[in-house]
Amino acid sequence: MGIFSILGDALFGKKPDIFDEQGRVLHKHPKKKWDAWQNKFKTDAGYNWRNHTGTLAGRSNRNEKK
């Protein structure tokens, strides 16, 4: 089976290893990396999407100085 699987992978490509049983994308990172990613959004205001200017509709520097 070993030689046939290598030959099959060479001819038809390997099956992707990023999907779970339901067909959803599953990234296999360690828990420490996922926790660091989640904490980045909680602790650093630069990564918080709510702080971006697109969500502050109608506000500008001129309006805040008045």
PDB file of N, CA and C in Angstrom:
ATOM      1  N   MET A   1       0.818  -1.192   0.000  1.00  0.00           N
ATOM      2  CA  MET A   1       0.000   0.000   0.000  1.00  0.00           C
ATOM      3  C   MET A   1       0.856   1.247   0.000  1.00  0.00           C
ATOM      4  N   GLY A   2       2.042   1.187   0.576  1.00  0.00           N
ATOM      5  CA  GLY A   2       2.894   2.367   0.678  1.00  0.00           C
ATOM      6  C   GLY A   2       3.266   2.959  -0.668  1.00  0.00           C
ATOM      7  N   ILE A   3       3.659   2.112  -1.608  1.00  0.00           N
ATOM      8  CA  ILE A   3       4.066   2.619  -2.922  1.00  0.00           C
ATOM      9  C   ILE A   3       2.866   3.140  -3.697  1.00  0.00           C
ATOM     10  N   PHE A   4       1.704   2.493  -3.516  1.00  0.00           N
ATOM     11  CA  PHE A   4       0.510   2.945  -4.228  1.00  0.00           C
ATOM     12  C   PHE A   4      -0.001   4.276  -3.679  1.00  0.00           C
ATOM     13  N   SER A   5       0.096   4.464  -2.387  1.00  0.00           N
ATOM     14  CA  SER A   5      -0.351   5.746  -1.823  1.00  0.00           C
ATOM     15  C   SER A   5       0.579   6.877  -2.251  1.00  0.00           C
ATOM     16  N   ILE A   6       1.874   6.609  -2.328  1.00  0.00           N
ATOM     17  CA  ILE A   6       2.823   7.635  -2.790  1.00  0.00           C
ATOM     18  C   ILE A   6       2.557   7.964  -4.252  1.00  0.00           C
ATOM     19  N   LEU A   7       2.337   6.941  -5.044  1.00  0.00           N
ATOM     20  CA  LEU A   7       2.050   7.144  -6.459  1.00  0.00           C
ATOM     21  C   LEU A   7       0.722   7.876  -6.644  1.00  0.00           C
ATOM     22  N   GLY A   8      -0.296   7.511  -5.868  1.00  0.00           N
ATOM     23  CA  GLY A   8      -1.594   8.185  -5.937  1.00  0.00           C
ATOM     24  C   GLY A   8      -1.506   9.648  -5.521  1.00  0.00           C
ATOM     25  N   ASP A   9      -0.721   9.917  -4.476  1.00  0.00           N
ATOM     26  CA  ASP A   9      -0.531  11.305  -4.052  1.00  0.00           C
ATOM     27  C   ASP A   9       0.183  12.116  -5.121  1.00  0.00           C
ATOM     28  N   ALA A  10       1.139  11.501  -5.801  1.00  0.00           N
ATOM     29  CA  ALA A  10       1.884  12.192  -6.846  1.00  0.00           C
ATOM     30  C   ALA A  10       0.998  12.488  -8.052  1.00  0.00           C
ATOM     31  N   LEU A  11       0.117  11.566  -8.389  1.00  0.00           N
ATOM     32  CA  LEU A  11      -0.734  11.751  -9.559  1.00  0.00           C
ATOM     33  C   LEU A  11      -1.957  12.617  -9.293  1.00  0.00           C
ATOM     34  N   PHE A  12      -2.593  12.416  -8.157  1.00  0.00           N
ATOM     35  CA  PHE A  12      -3.873  13.075  -7.891  1.00  0.00           C
ATOM     36  C   PHE A  12      -3.824  14.107  -6.769  1.00  0.00           C
ATOM     37  N   GLY A  13      -2.695  14.245  -6.103  1.00  0.00           N
ATOM     38  CA  GLY A  13      -2.571  15.199  -5.008  1.00  0.00           C
ATOM     39  C   GLY A  13      -2.996  14.591  -3.692  1.00  0.00           C
ATOM     40  N   LYS A  14      -2.496  15.177  -2.632  1.00  0.00           N
ATOM     41  CA  LYS A  14      -2.838  14.689  -1.297  1.00  0.00           C
ATOM     42  C   LYS A  14      -4.185  15.242  -0.848  1.00  0.00           C
ATOM     43  N   LYS A  15      -4.848  14.504   0.015  1.00  0.00           N
ATOM     44  CA  LYS A  15      -6.086  14.977   0.618  1.00  0.00           C
ATOM     45  C   LYS A  15      -5.722  16.054   1.638  1.00  0.00           C
ATOM     46  N   PRO A  16      -6.373  17.206   1.596  1.00  0.00           N
ATOM     47  CA  PRO A  16      -6.025  18.269   2.549  1.00  0.00           C
ATOM     48  C   PRO A  16      -6.306  17.855   3.988  1.00  0.00           C
ATOM     49  N   ASP A  17      -5.417  18.262   4.872  1.00  0.00           N
ATOM     50  CA  ASP A  17      -5.515  17.871   6.278  1.00  0.00           C
ATOM     51  C   ASP A  17      -6.056  19.010   7.140  1.00  0.00           C
ATOM     52  N   ILE A  18      -6.815  19.927   6.540  1.00  0.00           N
ATOM     53  CA  ILE A  18      -7.294  21.076   7.307  1.00  0.00           C
ATOM     54  C   ILE A  18      -8.791  21.025   7.574  1.00  0.00           C
ATOM     55  N   PHE A  19      -9.472  19.956   7.157  1.00  0.00           N
ATOM     56  CA  PHE A  19     -10.916  19.866   7.334  1.00  0.00           C
ATOM     57  C   PHE A  19     -11.265  18.838   8.401  1.00  0.00           C
ATOM     58  N   ASP A  20     -12.319  19.137   9.187  1.00  0.00           N
ATOM     59  CA  ASP A  20     -12.811  18.153  10.149  1.00  0.00           C
ATOM     60  C   ASP A  20     -13.868  17.273   9.471  1.00  0.00           C
ATOM     61  N   GLU A  21     -14.550  16.452  10.250  1.00  0.00           N
ATOM     62  CA  GLU A  21     -15.520  15.514   9.690  1.00  0.00           C
ATOM     63  C   GLU A  21     -16.716  16.196   9.039  1.00  0.00           C
ATOM     64  N   GLN A  22     -17.067  17.401   9.511  1.00  0.00           N
ATOM     65  CA  GLN A  22     -18.209  18.129   8.952  1.00  0.00           C
ATOM     66  C   GLN A  22     -17.817  18.985   7.745  1.00  0.00           C
ATOM     67  N   GLY A  23     -16.546  18.998   7.369  1.00  0.00           N
ATOM     68  CA  GLY A  23     -16.104  19.777   6.230  1.00  0.00           C
ATOM     69  C   GLY A  23     -15.706  21.202   6.572  1.00  0.00           C
ATOM     70  N   ARG A  24     -15.677  21.538   7.856  1.00  0.00           N
ATOM     71  CA  ARG A  24     -15.277  22.881   8.270  1.00  0.00           C
ATOM     72  C   ARG A  24     -13.760  22.940   8.391  1.00  0.00           C
ATOM     73  N   VAL A  25     -13.201  24.124   8.149  1.00  0.00           N
ATOM     74  CA  VAL A  25     -11.758  24.302   8.254  1.00  0.00           C
ATOM     75  C   VAL A  25     -11.344  24.214   9.719  1.00  0.00           C
ATOM     76  N   LEU A  26     -10.324  23.435   9.984  1.00  0.00           N
ATOM     77  CA  LEU A  26      -9.837  23.228  11.339  1.00  0.00           C
ATOM     78  C   LEU A  26      -8.328  23.457  11.341  1.00  0.00           C
ATOM     79  N   HIS A  27      -7.899  24.536  11.967  1.00  0.00           N
ATOM     80  CA  HIS A  27      -6.477  24.828  12.055  1.00  0.00           C
ATOM     81  C   HIS A  27      -5.926  24.164  13.299  1.00  0.00           C
ATOM     82  N   LYS A  28      -4.880  23.409  13.143  1.00  0.00           N
ATOM     83  CA  LYS A  28      -4.328  22.625  14.244  1.00  0.00           C
ATOM     84  C   LYS A  28      -3.177  23.367  14.911  1.00  0.00           C
ATOM     85  N   HIS A  29      -3.522  24.431  15.629  1.00  0.00           N
ATOM     86  CA  HIS A  29      -2.526  25.181  16.388  1.00  0.00           C
ATOM     87  C   HIS A  29      -2.590  24.757  17.849  1.00  0.00           C
ATOM     88  N   PRO A  30      -1.483  24.886  18.568  1.00  0.00           N
ATOM     89  CA  PRO A  30      -1.521  24.563  20.001  1.00  0.00           C
ATOM     90  C   PRO A  30      -2.408  25.547  20.766  1.00  0.00           C
ATOM     91  N   LYS A  31      -2.921  25.114  21.905  1.00  0.00           N
ATOM     92  CA  LYS A  31      -3.809  25.945  22.722  1.00  0.00           C
ATOM     93  C   LYS A  31      -3.146  27.254  23.113  1.00  0.00           C
ATOM     94  N   LYS A  32      -1.862  27.226  23.352  1.00  0.00           N
ATOM     95  CA  LYS A  32      -1.138  28.445  23.740  1.00  0.00           C
ATOM     96  C   LYS A  32      -1.215  29.504  22.639  1.00  0.00           C
ATOM     97  N   LYS A  33      -1.115  29.091  21.386  1.00  0.00           N
ATOM     98  CA  LYS A  33      -1.197  30.030  20.272  1.00  0.00           C
ATOM     99  C   LYS A  33      -2.602  30.602  20.133  1.00  0.00           C
ATOM    100  N   TRP A  34      -3.645  29.779  20.294  1.00  0.00           N
ATOM    101  CA  TRP A  34      -5.017  30.271  20.228  1.00  0.00           C
ATOM    102  C   TRP A  34      -5.292  31.264  21.357  1.00  0.00           C
ATOM    103  N   ASP A  35      -4.812  30.960  22.566  1.00  0.00           N
ATOM    104  CA  ASP A  35      -5.021  31.865  23.697  1.00  0.00           C
ATOM    105  C   ASP A  35      -4.331  33.200  23.467  1.00  0.00           C
ATOM    106  N   ALA A  36      -3.116  33.184  22.922  1.00  0.00           N
ATOM    107  CA  ALA A  36      -2.402  34.429  22.636  1.00  0.00           C
ATOM    108  C   ALA A  36      -3.155  35.250  21.596  1.00  0.00           C
ATOM    109  N   TRP A  37      -3.734  34.580  20.608  1.00  0.00           N
ATOM    110  CA  TRP A  37      -4.491  35.274  19.575  1.00  0.00           C
ATOM    111  C   TRP A  37      -5.740  35.929  20.167  1.00  0.00           C
ATOM    112  N   GLN A  38      -6.461  35.208  21.028  1.00  0.00           N
ATOM    113  CA  GLN A  38      -7.659  35.758  21.654  1.00  0.00           C
ATOM    114  C   GLN A  38      -7.317  36.930  22.573  1.00  0.00           C
ATOM    115  N   ASN A  39      -6.249  36.801  23.349  1.00  0.00           N
ATOM    116  CA  ASN A  39      -5.869  37.856  24.280  1.00  0.00           C
ATOM    117  C   ASN A  39      -5.386  39.102  23.567  1.00  0.00           C
ATOM    118  N   LYS A  40      -4.833  38.947  22.367  1.00  0.00           N
ATOM    119  CA  LYS A  40      -4.362  40.094  21.604  1.00  0.00           C
ATOM    120  C   LYS A  40      -5.523  41.049  21.326  1.00  0.00           C
ATOM    121  N   PHE A  41      -6.672  40.503  21.012  1.00  0.00           N
ATOM    122  CA  PHE A  41      -7.827  41.341  20.703  1.00  0.00           C
ATOM    123  C   PHE A  41      -8.442  41.959  21.958  1.00  0.00           C
ATOM    124  N   LYS A  42      -8.276  41.318  23.086  1.00  0.00           N
ATOM    125  CA  LYS A  42      -8.849  41.847  24.326  1.00  0.00           C
ATOM    126  C   LYS A  42      -7.972  42.920  24.956  1.00  0.00           C
ATOM    127  N   THR A  43      -6.653  42.769  24.869  1.00  0.00           N
ATOM    128  CA  THR A  43      -5.758  43.659  25.604  1.00  0.00           C
ATOM    129  C   THR A  43      -5.230  44.822  24.778  1.00  0.00           C
ATOM    130  N   ASP A  44      -5.064  44.669  23.474  1.00  0.00           N
ATOM    131  CA  ASP A  44      -4.482  45.719  22.650  1.00  0.00           C
ATOM    132  C   ASP A  44      -5.591  46.445  21.892  1.00  0.00           C
ATOM    133  N   ALA A  45      -5.769  47.729  22.161  1.00  0.00           N
ATOM    134  CA  ALA A  45      -6.843  48.500  21.538  1.00  0.00           C
ATOM    135  C   ALA A  45      -6.639  48.644  20.033  1.00  0.00           C
ATOM    136  N   GLY A  46      -5.419  48.540  19.560  1.00  0.00           N
ATOM    137  CA  GLY A  46      -5.162  48.633  18.134  1.00  0.00           C
ATOM    138  C   GLY A  46      -5.759  47.486  17.339  1.00  0.00           C
ATOM    139  N   TYR A  47      -5.961  46.341  17.963  1.00  0.00           N
ATOM    140  CA  TYR A  47      -6.552  45.190  17.295  1.00  0.00           C
ATOM    141  C   TYR A  47      -8.058  45.099  17.508  1.00  0.00           C
ATOM    142  N   ASN A  48      -8.632  45.943  18.342  1.00  0.00           N
ATOM    143  CA  ASN A  48     -10.060  45.891  18.629  1.00  0.00           C
ATOM    144  C   ASN A  48     -10.821  46.537  17.478  1.00  0.00           C
ATOM    145  N   TRP A  49     -11.657  45.779  16.800  1.00  0.00           N
ATOM    146  CA  TRP A  49     -12.367  46.288  15.631  1.00  0.00           C
ATOM    147  C   TRP A  49     -13.356  47.385  15.994  1.00  0.00           C
ATOM    148  N   ARG A  50     -13.777  47.454  17.240  1.00  0.00           N
ATOM    149  CA  ARG A  50     -14.728  48.495  17.642  1.00  0.00           C
ATOM    150  C   ARG A  50     -14.074  49.876  17.710  1.00  0.00           C
ATOM    151  N   ASN A  51     -12.764  49.927  17.779  1.00  0.00           N
ATOM    152  CA  ASN A  51     -12.060  51.199  17.861  1.00  0.00           C
ATOM    153  C   ASN A  51     -11.713  51.784  16.502  1.00  0.00           C
ATOM    154  N   HIS A  52     -12.005  51.100  15.424  1.00  0.00           N
ATOM    155  CA  HIS A  52     -11.660  51.600  14.101  1.00  0.00           C
ATOM    156  C   HIS A  52     -12.595  52.737  13.723  1.00  0.00           C
ATOM    157  N   THR A  53     -12.110  53.664  12.920  1.00  0.00           N
ATOM    158  CA  THR A  53     -12.885  54.855  12.584  1.00  0.00           C
ATOM    159  C   THR A  53     -14.128  54.554  11.775  1.00  0.00           C
ATOM    160  N   GLY A  54     -14.181  53.428  11.097  1.00  0.00           N
ATOM    161  CA  GLY A  54     -15.358  53.089  10.315  1.00  0.00           C
ATOM    162  C   GLY A  54     -16.599  52.893  11.168  1.00  0.00           C
ATOM    163  N   THR A  55     -16.450  52.570  12.441  1.00  0.00           N
ATOM    164  CA  THR A  55     -17.607  52.372  13.309  1.00  0.00           C
ATOM    165  C   THR A  55     -18.025  53.650  14.013  1.00  0.00           C
ATOM    166  N   LEU A  56     -17.251  54.712  13.837  1.00  0.00           N
ATOM    167  CA  LEU A  56     -17.580  55.992  14.464  1.00  0.00           C
ATOM    168  C   LEU A  56     -18.190  56.907  13.412  1.00  0.00           C
ATOM    169  N   ALA A  57     -19.335  56.530  12.898  1.00  0.00           N
ATOM    170  CA  ALA A  57     -19.970  57.246  11.793  1.00  0.00           C
ATOM    171  C   ALA A  57     -20.296  58.687  12.175  1.00  0.00           C
ATOM    172  N   GLY A  58     -19.945  59.611  11.298  1.00  0.00           N
ATOM    173  CA  GLY A  58     -20.265  61.017  11.504  1.00  0.00           C
ATOM    174  C   GLY A  58     -19.275  61.768  12.370  1.00  0.00           C
ATOM    175  N   ARG A  59     -18.338  61.109  12.975  1.00  0.00           N
ATOM    176  CA  ARG A  59     -17.359  61.782  13.825  1.00  0.00           C
ATOM    177  C   ARG A  59     -16.118  62.134  13.015  1.00  0.00           C
ATOM    178  N   SER A  60     -15.567  63.278  13.317  1.00  0.00           N
ATOM    179  CA  SER A  60     -14.289  63.668  12.725  1.00  0.00           C
ATOM    180  C   SER A  60     -13.561  64.537  13.740  1.00  0.00           C
ATOM    181  N   ASN A  61     -12.341  64.872  13.451  1.00  0.00           N
ATOM    182  CA  ASN A  61     -11.571  65.709  14.372  1.00  0.00           C
ATOM    183  C   ASN A  61     -12.193  67.098  14.509  1.00  0.00           C
ATOM    184  N   ARG A  62     -12.776  67.614  13.443  1.00  0.00           N
ATOM    185  CA  ARG A  62     -13.416  68.934  13.517  1.00  0.00           C
ATOM    186  C   ARG A  62     -14.623  68.918  14.456  1.00  0.00           C
ATOM    187  N   ASN A  63     -15.411  67.861  14.435  1.00  0.00           N
ATOM    188  CA  ASN A  63     -16.601  67.785  15.289  1.00  0.00           C
ATOM    189  C   ASN A  63     -16.231  67.647  16.758  1.00  0.00           C
ATOM    190  N   GLU A  64     -15.140  66.954  17.056  1.00  0.00           N
ATOM    191  CA  GLU A  64     -14.757  66.734  18.445  1.00  0.00           C
ATOM    192  C   GLU A  64     -14.134  67.969  19.071  1.00  0.00           C
ATOM    193  N   LYS A  65     -13.529  68.869  18.259  1.00  0.00           N
ATOM    194  CA  LYS A  65     -12.881  70.069  18.807  1.00  0.00           C
ATOM    195  C   LYS A  65     -13.889  71.145  19.169  1.00  0.00           C
ATOM    196  N   LYS A  66     -15.077  71.105  18.599  1.00  0.00           N
ATOM    197  CA  LYS A  66     -16.076  72.154  18.862  1.00  0.00           C
ATOM    198  C   LYS A  66     -16.640  72.082  20.250  1.00  0.00           C
TER     199      LYS A  66
END
